[in-house]
PDB file of N, CA and C in Angstrom:
ATOM      1  N   MET A   1       0.853  -1.182   0.000  1.00  0.00           N
ATOM      2  CA  MET A   1       0.000   0.000   0.000  1.00  0.00           C
ATOM      3  C   MET A   1       0.894   1.239   0.000  1.00  0.00           C
ATOM      4  N   THR A   2       0.567   2.195  -0.862  1.00  0.00           N
ATOM      5  CA  THR A   2       1.338   3.434  -0.921  1.00  0.00           C
ATOM      6  C   THR A   2       0.884   4.390   0.181  1.00  0.00           C
ATOM      7  N   LYS A   3       1.701   5.396   0.440  1.00  0.00           N
ATOM      8  CA  LYS A   3       1.335   6.404   1.444  1.00  0.00           C
ATOM      9  C   LYS A   3       0.045   7.117   1.032  1.00  0.00           C
ATOM     10  N   LYS A   4      -0.094   7.364  -0.264  1.00  0.00           N
ATOM     11  CA  LYS A   4      -1.296   8.039  -0.781  1.00  0.00           C
ATOM     12  C   LYS A   4      -2.553   7.221  -0.465  1.00  0.00           C
ATOM     13  N   ASP A   5      -2.483   5.917  -0.666  1.00  0.00           N
ATOM     14  CA  ASP A   5      -3.625   5.049  -0.376  1.00  0.00           C
ATOM     15  C   ASP A   5      -3.921   4.998   1.114  1.00  0.00           C
ATOM     16  N   ALA A   6      -2.868   5.003   1.928  1.00  0.00           N
ATOM     17  CA  ALA A   6      -3.046   4.966   3.383  1.00  0.00           C
ATOM     18  C   ALA A   6      -3.769   6.211   3.869  1.00  0.00           C
ATOM     19  N   ILE A   7      -3.420   7.373   3.322  1.00  0.00           N
ATOM     20  CA  ILE A   7      -4.076   8.621   3.713  1.00  0.00           C
ATOM     21  C   ILE A   7      -5.535   8.608   3.286  1.00  0.00           C
ATOM     22  N   LYS A   8      -5.821   8.134   2.090  1.00  0.00           N
ATOM     23  CA  LYS A   8      -7.200   8.072   1.613  1.00  0.00           C
ATOM     24  C   LYS A   8      -8.079   7.238   2.541  1.00  0.00           C
ATOM     25  N   LYS A   9      -7.520   6.166   3.078  1.00  0.00           N
ATOM     26  CA  LYS A   9      -8.296   5.293   3.950  1.00  0.00           C
ATOM     27  C   LYS A   9      -8.547   5.932   5.307  1.00  0.00           C
ATOM     28  N   LYS A  10      -7.692   6.862   5.730  1.00  0.00           N
ATOM     29  CA  LYS A  10      -7.831   7.506   7.034  1.00  0.00           C
ATOM     30  C   LYS A  10      -8.822   8.665   7.006  1.00  0.00           C
ATOM     31  N   ILE A  11      -9.098   9.232   5.831  1.00  0.00           N
ATOM     32  CA  ILE A  11      -9.993  10.386   5.726  1.00  0.00           C
ATOM     33  C   ILE A  11     -11.340   9.925   5.184  1.00  0.00           C
ATOM     34  N   ARG A  12     -12.352  10.035   6.038  1.00  0.00           N
ATOM     35  CA  ARG A  12     -13.698   9.634   5.610  1.00  0.00           C
ATOM     36  C   ARG A  12     -14.244  10.662   4.618  1.00  0.00           C
ATOM     37  N   ALA A  13     -14.879  10.163   3.571  1.00  0.00           N
ATOM     38  CA  ALA A  13     -15.450  11.030   2.545  1.00  0.00           C
ATOM     39  C   ALA A  13     -16.724  10.397   1.989  1.00  0.00           C
ATOM     40  N   VAL A  14     -17.644  11.265   1.561  1.00  0.00           N
ATOM     41  CA  VAL A  14     -18.914  10.824   0.984  1.00  0.00           C
ATOM     42  C   VAL A  14     -19.211  11.689  -0.238  1.00  0.00           C
ATOM     43  N   TRP A  15     -19.627  11.057  -1.336  1.00  0.00           N
ATOM     44  CA  TRP A  15     -19.969  11.769  -2.561  1.00  0.00           C
ATOM     45  C   TRP A  15     -21.471  12.037  -2.598  1.00  0.00           C
ATOM     46  N   ASP A  16     -21.859  13.286  -2.873  1.00  0.00           N
ATOM     47  CA  ASP A  16     -23.261  13.679  -3.021  1.00  0.00           C
ATOM     48  C   ASP A  16     -23.548  13.783  -4.518  1.00  0.00           C
ATOM     49  N   ASP A  17     -24.333  12.827  -5.042  1.00  0.00           N
ATOM     50  CA  ASP A  17     -24.633  12.805  -6.478  1.00  0.00           C
ATOM     51  C   ASP A  17     -25.429  14.021  -6.932  1.00  0.00           C
ATOM     52  N   LYS A  18     -26.355  14.490  -6.108  1.00  0.00           N
ATOM     53  CA  LYS A  18     -27.198  15.620  -6.499  1.00  0.00           C
ATOM     54  C   LYS A  18     -26.388  16.910  -6.619  1.00  0.00           C
ATOM     55  N   LYS A  19     -25.534  17.178  -5.649  1.00  0.00           N
ATOM     56  CA  LYS A  19     -24.727  18.401  -5.655  1.00  0.00           C
ATOM     57  C   LYS A  19     -23.421  18.228  -6.421  1.00  0.00           C
ATOM     58  N   GLU A  20     -23.081  16.970  -6.733  1.00  0.00           N
ATOM     59  CA  GLU A  20     -21.811  16.637  -7.369  1.00  0.00           C
ATOM     60  C   GLU A  20     -20.644  17.210  -6.572  1.00  0.00           C
ATOM     61  N   GLU A  21     -20.661  16.937  -5.262  1.00  0.00           N
ATOM     62  CA  GLU A  21     -19.609  17.379  -4.356  1.00  0.00           C
ATOM     63  C   GLU A  21     -19.192  16.221  -3.465  1.00  0.00           C
ATOM     64  N   CYS A  22     -17.953  16.278  -3.040  1.00  0.00           N
ATOM     65  CA  CYS A  22     -17.445  15.290  -2.102  1.00  0.00           C
ATOM     66  C   CYS A  22     -17.295  15.970  -0.740  1.00  0.00           C
ATOM     67  N   PHE A  23     -17.832  15.358   0.294  1.00  0.00           N
ATOM     68  CA  PHE A  23     -17.724  15.878   1.646  1.00  0.00           C
ATOM     69  C   PHE A  23     -16.734  15.023   2.411  1.00  0.00           C
ATOM     70  N   PHE A  24     -15.865  15.686   3.168  1.00  0.00           N
ATOM     71  CA  PHE A  24     -14.853  14.947   3.904  1.00  0.00           C
ATOM     72  C   PHE A  24     -14.783  15.447   5.335  1.00  0.00           C
ATOM     73  N   SER A  25     -14.235  14.621   6.190  1.00  0.00           N
ATOM     74  CA  SER A  25     -14.141  14.925   7.605  1.00  0.00           C
ATOM     75  C   SER A  25     -12.905  15.773   7.900  1.00  0.00           C
ATOM     76  N   ILE A  26     -13.132  16.997   8.381  1.00  0.00           N
ATOM     77  CA  ILE A  26     -12.031  17.887   8.760  1.00  0.00           C
ATOM     78  C   ILE A  26     -11.228  17.273   9.898  1.00  0.00           C
ATOM     79  N   VAL A  27     -11.899  16.638  10.836  1.00  0.00           N
ATOM     80  CA  VAL A  27     -11.202  16.020  11.964  1.00  0.00           C
ATOM     81  C   VAL A  27     -10.230  14.951  11.459  1.00  0.00           C
ATOM     82  N   ASP A  28     -10.623  14.190  10.442  1.00  0.00           N
ATOM     83  CA  ASP A  28      -9.722  13.188   9.868  1.00  0.00           C
ATOM     84  C   ASP A  28      -8.532  13.859   9.181  1.00  0.00           C
ATOM     85  N   VAL A  29      -8.773  14.966   8.485  1.00  0.00           N
ATOM     86  CA  VAL A  29      -7.693  15.704   7.828  1.00  0.00           C
ATOM     87  C   VAL A  29      -6.712  16.234   8.871  1.00  0.00           C
ATOM     88  N   VAL A  30      -7.238  16.800   9.954  1.00  0.00           N
ATOM     89  CA  VAL A  30      -6.395  17.306  11.043  1.00  0.00           C
ATOM     90  C   VAL A  30      -5.551  16.168  11.613  1.00  0.00           C
ATOM     91  N   ALA A  31      -6.139  15.013  11.786  1.00  0.00           N
ATOM     92  CA  ALA A  31      -5.412  13.860  12.328  1.00  0.00           C
ATOM     93  C   ALA A  31      -4.239  13.481  11.427  1.00  0.00           C
ATOM     94  N   VAL A  32      -4.467  13.470  10.118  1.00  0.00           N
ATOM     95  CA  VAL A  32      -3.411  13.095   9.179  1.00  0.00           C
ATOM     96  C   VAL A  32      -2.319  14.165   9.134  1.00  0.00           C
ATOM     97  N   LEU A  33      -2.712  15.430   9.104  1.00  0.00           N
ATOM     98  CA  LEU A  33      -1.731  16.509   8.959  1.00  0.00           C
ATOM     99  C   LEU A  33      -0.934  16.803  10.218  1.00  0.00           C
ATOM    100  N   THR A  34      -1.545  16.619  11.386  1.00  0.00           N
ATOM    101  CA  THR A  34      -0.877  17.010  12.631  1.00  0.00           C
ATOM    102  C   THR A  34      -0.347  15.836  13.431  1.00  0.00           C
ATOM    103  N   ASP A  35      -0.810  14.643  13.141  1.00  0.00           N
ATOM    104  CA  ASP A  35      -0.445  13.460  13.920  1.00  0.00           C
ATOM    105  C   ASP A  35      -0.799  13.664  15.398  1.00  0.00           C
ATOM    106  N   SER A  36      -1.890  14.379  15.636  1.00  0.00           N
ATOM    107  CA  SER A  36      -2.347  14.688  16.986  1.00  0.00           C
ATOM    108  C   SER A  36      -2.949  13.464  17.661  1.00  0.00           C
ATOM    109  N   ASP A  37      -2.767  13.377  18.979  1.00  0.00           N
ATOM    110  CA  ASP A  37      -3.389  12.302  19.747  1.00  0.00           C
ATOM    111  C   ASP A  37      -4.900  12.510  19.873  1.00  0.00           C
ATOM    112  N   ASN A  38      -5.329  13.770  19.797  1.00  0.00           N
ATOM    113  CA  ASN A  38      -6.741  14.111  19.941  1.00  0.00           C
ATOM    114  C   ASN A  38      -7.117  15.146  18.871  1.00  0.00           C
ATOM    115  N   PRO A  39      -7.325  14.701  17.624  1.00  0.00           N
ATOM    116  CA  PRO A  39      -7.592  15.650  16.540  1.00  0.00           C
ATOM    117  C   PRO A  39      -8.877  16.461  16.726  1.00  0.00           C
ATOM    118  N   ARG A  40      -9.885  15.882  17.379  1.00  0.00           N
ATOM    119  CA  ARG A  40     -11.126  16.632  17.608  1.00  0.00           C
ATOM    120  C   ARG A  40     -10.859  17.825  18.521  1.00  0.00           C
ATOM    121  N   ARG A  41     -10.037  17.635  19.545  1.00  0.00           N
ATOM    122  CA  ARG A  41      -9.666  18.727  20.458  1.00  0.00           C
ATOM    123  C   ARG A  41      -8.794  19.751  19.733  1.00  0.00           C
ATOM    124  N   TYR A  42      -7.870  19.276  18.912  1.00  0.00           N
ATOM    125  CA  TYR A  42      -7.006  20.149  18.124  1.00  0.00           C
ATOM    126  C   TYR A  42      -7.866  21.054  17.244  1.00  0.00           C
ATOM    127  N   TRP A  43      -8.852  20.474  16.553  1.00  0.00           N
ATOM    128  CA  TRP A  43      -9.740  21.230  15.671  1.00  0.00           C
ATOM    129  C   TRP A  43     -10.558  22.235  16.474  1.00  0.00           C
ATOM    130  N   SER A  44     -11.058  21.827  17.631  1.00  0.00           N
ATOM    131  CA  SER A  44     -11.838  22.719  18.485  1.00  0.00           C
ATOM    132  C   SER A  44     -10.995  23.917  18.932  1.00  0.00           C
ATOM    133  N   ASP A  45      -9.774  23.666  19.367  1.00  0.00           N
ATOM    134  CA  ASP A  45      -8.880  24.749  19.797  1.00  0.00           C
ATOM    135  C   ASP A  45      -8.531  25.678  18.641  1.00  0.00           C
ATOM    136  N   LEU A  46      -8.308  25.106  17.461  1.00  0.00           N
ATOM    137  CA  LEU A  46      -7.994  25.911  16.285  1.00  0.00           C
ATOM    138  C   LEU A  46      -9.173  26.810  15.905  1.00  0.00           C
ATOM    139  N   LYS A  47     -10.390  26.272  15.920  1.00  0.00           N
ATOM    140  CA  LYS A  47     -11.569  27.088  15.606  1.00  0.00           C
ATOM    141  C   LYS A  47     -11.714  28.237  16.598  1.00  0.00           C
ATOM    142  N   ARG A  48     -11.483  27.953  17.880  1.00  0.00           N
ATOM    143  CA  ARG A  48     -11.582  28.992  18.908  1.00  0.00           C
ATOM    144  C   ARG A  48     -10.548  30.097  18.648  1.00  0.00           C
ATOM    145  N   LYS A  49      -9.326  29.697  18.320  1.00  0.00           N
ATOM    146  CA  LYS A  49      -8.265  30.660  18.036  1.00  0.00           C
ATOM    147  C   LYS A  49      -8.606  31.503  16.810  1.00  0.00           C
ATOM    148  N   LEU A  50      -9.090  30.863  15.754  1.00  0.00           N
ATOM    149  CA  LEU A  50      -9.462  31.587  14.543  1.00  0.00           C
ATOM    150  C   LEU A  50     -10.591  32.574  14.808  1.00  0.00           C
ATOM    151  N   SER A  51     -11.546  32.173  15.623  1.00  0.00           N
ATOM    152  CA  SER A  51     -12.667  33.038  15.962  1.00  0.00           C
ATOM    153  C   SER A  51     -12.180  34.292  16.696  1.00  0.00           C
ATOM    154  N   LYS A  52     -11.273  34.110  17.648  1.00  0.00           N
ATOM    155  CA  LYS A  52     -10.733  35.244  18.397  1.00  0.00           C
ATOM    156  C   LYS A  52      -9.953  36.191  17.502  1.00  0.00           C
ATOM    157  N   GLU A  53      -9.312  35.658  16.478  1.00  0.00           N
ATOM    158  CA  GLU A  53      -8.545  36.477  15.545  1.00  0.00           C
ATOM    159  C   GLU A  53      -9.427  37.132  14.489  1.00  0.00           C
ATOM    160  N   GLY A  54     -10.703  36.808  14.492  1.00  0.00           N
ATOM    161  CA  GLY A  54     -11.633  37.406  13.542  1.00  0.00           C
ATOM    162  C   GLY A  54     -11.629  36.747  12.175  1.00  0.00           C
ATOM    163  N   SER A  55     -11.087  35.552  12.068  1.00  0.00           N
ATOM    164  CA  SER A  55     -11.029  34.853  10.798  1.00  0.00           C
ATOM    165  C   SER A  55     -12.417  34.398  10.367  1.00  0.00           C
ATOM    166  N   GLN A  56     -12.743  34.618   9.111  1.00  0.00           N
ATOM    167  CA  GLN A  56     -14.027  34.177   8.584  1.00  0.00           C
ATOM    168  C   GLN A  56     -13.996  32.693   8.225  1.00  0.00           C
ATOM    169  N   LEU A  57     -12.816  32.100   8.184  1.00  0.00           N
ATOM    170  CA  LEU A  57     -12.733  30.670   7.916  1.00  0.00           C
ATOM    171  C   LEU A  57     -13.449  29.872   8.989  1.00  0.00           C
ATOM    172  N   TYR A  58     -13.457  30.406  10.199  1.00  0.00           N
ATOM    173  CA  TYR A  58     -14.125  29.728  11.308  1.00  0.00           C
ATOM    174  C   TYR A  58     -15.586  29.453  10.968  1.00  0.00           C
ATOM    175  N   ASP A  59     -16.269  30.410  10.362  1.00  0.00           N
ATOM    176  CA  ASP A  59     -17.683  30.251  10.023  1.00  0.00           C
ATOM    177  C   ASP A  59     -17.881  29.283   8.858  1.00  0.00           C
ATOM    178  N   PHE A  60     -16.889  29.182   7.989  1.00  0.00           N
ATOM    179  CA  PHE A  60     -17.002  28.358   6.785  1.00  0.00           C
ATOM    180  C   PHE A  60     -16.805  26.874   7.063  1.00  0.00           C
ATOM    181  N   PHE A  61     -15.864  26.538   7.920  1.00  0.00           N
ATOM    182  CA  PHE A  61     -15.520  25.138   8.154  1.00  0.00           C
ATOM    183  C   PHE A  61     -16.235  24.559   9.360  1.00  0.00           C
ATOM    184  N   GLY A  62     -16.933  23.451   9.143  1.00  0.00           N
ATOM    185  CA  GLY A  62     -17.513  22.684  10.231  1.00  0.00           C
ATOM    186  C   GLY A  62     -16.646  21.450  10.415  1.00  0.00           C
ATOM    187  N   GLN A  63     -17.248  20.334  10.737  1.00  0.00           N
ATOM    188  CA  GLN A  63     -16.471  19.110  10.851  1.00  0.00           C
ATOM    189  C   GLN A  63     -16.549  18.278   9.578  1.00  0.00           C
ATOM    190  N   LEU A  64     -17.505  18.612   8.715  1.00  0.00           N
ATOM    191  CA  LEU A  64     -17.638  17.908   7.447  1.00  0.00           C
ATOM    192  C   LEU A  64     -17.729  18.959   6.355  1.00  0.00           C
ATOM    193  N   ASN A  65     -16.828  18.943   5.392  1.00  0.00           N
ATOM    194  CA  ASN A  65     -16.780  19.968   4.372  1.00  0.00           C
ATOM    195  C   ASN A  65     -16.711  19.359   2.996  1.00  0.00           C
ATOM    196  N   SER A  66     -17.094  20.169   2.015  1.00  0.00           N
ATOM    197  CA  SER A  66     -17.088  19.687   0.636  1.00  0.00           C
ATOM    198  C   SER A  66     -15.874  20.223  -0.105  1.00  0.00           C
ATOM    199  N   TYR A  67     -15.541  19.528  -1.168  1.00  0.00           N
ATOM    200  CA  TYR A  67     -14.500  20.004  -2.078  1.00  0.00           C
ATOM    201  C   TYR A  67     -14.838  19.569  -3.465  1.00  0.00           C
TER     202      TYR A  67
END
């Protein structure tokens, strides 16, 4: 198995046929990118920090996002 395949298996994703969009788990992405022991907590802390800084990304990203 290649590294690319291993990452794909770690990130949950669902395809929406009507919208023709793929939704993926931000928490899974955070886990892969940060190697955090608690990616859900990492994501929560990051959202809080972004909110305090006035970032509009905070409002855009939930735990499941499309691409």
